[in-house]
């Protein structure tokens, strides 16, 4: 989409809709390109298997997931 400086002021809703559609918006000033507005990157819905914690439970340890998380979240040094 191309938009002039005046369009940025008066038609911001249309520009935001174009960005929602992942379109780049070229900003024109006196008919010359001054810049490009690029849509923000969105995080895709990731699969659970892509999470770093997935598959951390080894076959030889029979701890539950909650016990493993408690072990990971415990403080570095135990207070006496």
C-alpha atoms as a PDB file:
ATOM      1  CA  UNK A   1       0.000   0.000   0.000  1.00  0.00           C
ATOM      2  CA  UNK A   2       1.168   3.528  -0.721  1.00  0.00           C
ATOM      3  CA  UNK A   3       0.189   6.404   1.540  1.00  0.00           C
ATOM      4  CA  UNK A   4       1.027  10.082   1.533  1.00  0.00           C
ATOM      5  CA  UNK A   5       1.774  12.073   4.664  1.00  0.00           C
ATOM      6  CA  UNK A   6      -1.798  13.397   4.564  1.00  0.00           C
ATOM      7  CA  UNK A   7      -3.087   9.794   4.410  1.00  0.00           C
ATOM      8  CA  UNK A   8      -1.099   9.016   7.537  1.00  0.00           C
ATOM      9  CA  UNK A   9      -3.039  11.710   9.321  1.00  0.00           C
ATOM     10  CA  UNK A  10      -6.540  11.208   7.995  1.00  0.00           C
ATOM     11  CA  UNK A  11      -6.641   7.532   7.006  1.00  0.00           C
ATOM     12  CA  UNK A  12      -4.709   5.906   9.827  1.00  0.00           C
ATOM     13  CA  UNK A  13      -7.425   3.268  10.257  1.00  0.00           C
ATOM     14  CA  UNK A  14      -6.892   2.038   6.672  1.00  0.00           C
ATOM     15  CA  UNK A  15      -3.138   1.955   7.188  1.00  0.00           C
ATOM     16  CA  UNK A  16      -3.497  -0.065  10.375  1.00  0.00           C
ATOM     17  CA  UNK A  17      -5.789  -2.513   8.570  1.00  0.00           C
ATOM     18  CA  UNK A  18      -3.157  -2.927   5.839  1.00  0.00           C
ATOM     19  CA  UNK A  19      -0.555  -3.668   8.500  1.00  0.00           C
ATOM     20  CA  UNK A  20      -2.913  -6.262  10.022  1.00  0.00           C
ATOM     21  CA  UNK A  21      -2.981  -7.932   6.604  1.00  0.00           C
ATOM     22  CA  UNK A  22       0.850  -8.030   6.727  1.00  0.00           C
ATOM     23  CA  UNK A  23       1.186  -5.451   3.948  1.00  0.00           C
ATOM     24  CA  UNK A  24       4.032  -2.992   3.865  1.00  0.00           C
ATOM     25  CA  UNK A  25       2.998   0.665   3.709  1.00  0.00           C
ATOM     26  CA  UNK A  26       5.160   2.956   1.593  1.00  0.00           C
ATOM     27  CA  UNK A  27       5.143   6.556   2.825  1.00  0.00           C
ATOM     28  CA  UNK A  28       5.283   9.220   0.101  1.00  0.00           C
ATOM     29  CA  UNK A  29       6.148  12.891   0.522  1.00  0.00           C
ATOM     30  CA  UNK A  30       5.646  15.075  -2.556  1.00  0.00           C
ATOM     31  CA  UNK A  31       5.444  11.879  -4.605  1.00  0.00           C
ATOM     32  CA  UNK A  32       8.834  10.561  -3.439  1.00  0.00           C
ATOM     33  CA  UNK A  33       9.360   7.587  -1.185  1.00  0.00           C
ATOM     34  CA  UNK A  34      10.388   8.669   2.307  1.00  0.00           C
ATOM     35  CA  UNK A  35      10.082   5.350   4.107  1.00  0.00           C
ATOM     36  CA  UNK A  36       8.357   2.053   4.521  1.00  0.00           C
ATOM     37  CA  UNK A  37       6.270   0.919   7.484  1.00  0.00           C
ATOM     38  CA  UNK A  38       6.735  -2.804   7.981  1.00  0.00           C
ATOM     39  CA  UNK A  39       4.281  -4.922  10.013  1.00  0.00           C
ATOM     40  CA  UNK A  40       5.599  -6.270  13.306  1.00  0.00           C
ATOM     41  CA  UNK A  41       6.643  -9.895  13.358  1.00  0.00           C
ATOM     42  CA  UNK A  42       4.184 -12.129  15.074  1.00  0.00           C
ATOM     43  CA  UNK A  43       5.045 -15.256  16.932  1.00  0.00           C
ATOM     44  CA  UNK A  44       3.426 -18.234  15.341  1.00  0.00           C
ATOM     45  CA  UNK A  45       1.577 -20.701  17.505  1.00  0.00           C
ATOM     46  CA  UNK A  46       4.290 -23.120  18.404  1.00  0.00           C
ATOM     47  CA  UNK A  47       3.854 -26.793  18.952  1.00  0.00           C
ATOM     48  CA  UNK A  48       4.390 -28.223  22.405  1.00  0.00           C
ATOM     49  CA  UNK A  49       7.204 -30.405  21.072  1.00  0.00           C
ATOM     50  CA  UNK A  50       9.172 -27.256  20.180  1.00  0.00           C
ATOM     51  CA  UNK A  51       9.293 -26.137  23.826  1.00  0.00           C
ATOM     52  CA  UNK A  52      12.745 -26.631  25.416  1.00  0.00           C
ATOM     53  CA  UNK A  53      11.291 -28.475  28.419  1.00  0.00           C
ATOM     54  CA  UNK A  54       9.625 -31.123  26.245  1.00  0.00           C
ATOM     55  CA  UNK A  55      11.311 -34.501  26.561  1.00  0.00           C
ATOM     56  CA  UNK A  56      13.549 -33.569  29.493  1.00  0.00           C
ATOM     57  CA  UNK A  57      12.317 -36.495  31.564  1.00  0.00           C
ATOM     58  CA  UNK A  58      14.777 -39.302  31.070  1.00  0.00           C
ATOM     59  CA  UNK A  59      13.673 -42.912  31.112  1.00  0.00           C
ATOM     60  CA  UNK A  60      15.939 -43.843  34.030  1.00  0.00           C
ATOM     61  CA  UNK A  61      14.545 -41.195  36.397  1.00  0.00           C
ATOM     62  CA  UNK A  62      11.000 -41.799  37.478  1.00  0.00           C
ATOM     63  CA  UNK A  63      10.312 -38.329  38.895  1.00  0.00           C
ATOM     64  CA  UNK A  64       7.019 -36.695  38.109  1.00  0.00           C
ATOM     65  CA  UNK A  65       6.888 -33.527  36.084  1.00  0.00           C
ATOM     66  CA  UNK A  66       5.985 -31.491  39.170  1.00  0.00           C
ATOM     67  CA  UNK A  67       8.983 -32.867  41.081  1.00  0.00           C
ATOM     68  CA  UNK A  68      11.267 -32.019  38.178  1.00  0.00           C
ATOM     69  CA  UNK A  69       9.891 -28.471  38.013  1.00  0.00           C
ATOM     70  CA  UNK A  70      10.279 -28.043  41.781  1.00  0.00           C
ATOM     71  CA  UNK A  71      13.884 -29.173  41.454  1.00  0.00           C
ATOM     72  CA  UNK A  72      14.507 -26.650  38.654  1.00  0.00           C
ATOM     73  CA  UNK A  73      12.839 -23.804  40.562  1.00  0.00           C
ATOM     74  CA  UNK A  74      14.508 -24.336  43.921  1.00  0.00           C
ATOM     75  CA  UNK A  75      16.929 -21.678  45.191  1.00  0.00           C
ATOM     76  CA  UNK A  76      20.606 -22.053  44.450  1.00  0.00           C
ATOM     77  CA  UNK A  77      21.599 -22.453  48.081  1.00  0.00           C
ATOM     78  CA  UNK A  78      19.479 -23.929  50.824  1.00  0.00           C
ATOM     79  CA  UNK A  79      19.126 -21.756  53.905  1.00  0.00           C
ATOM     80  CA  UNK A  80      20.117 -23.406  57.160  1.00  0.00           C
END
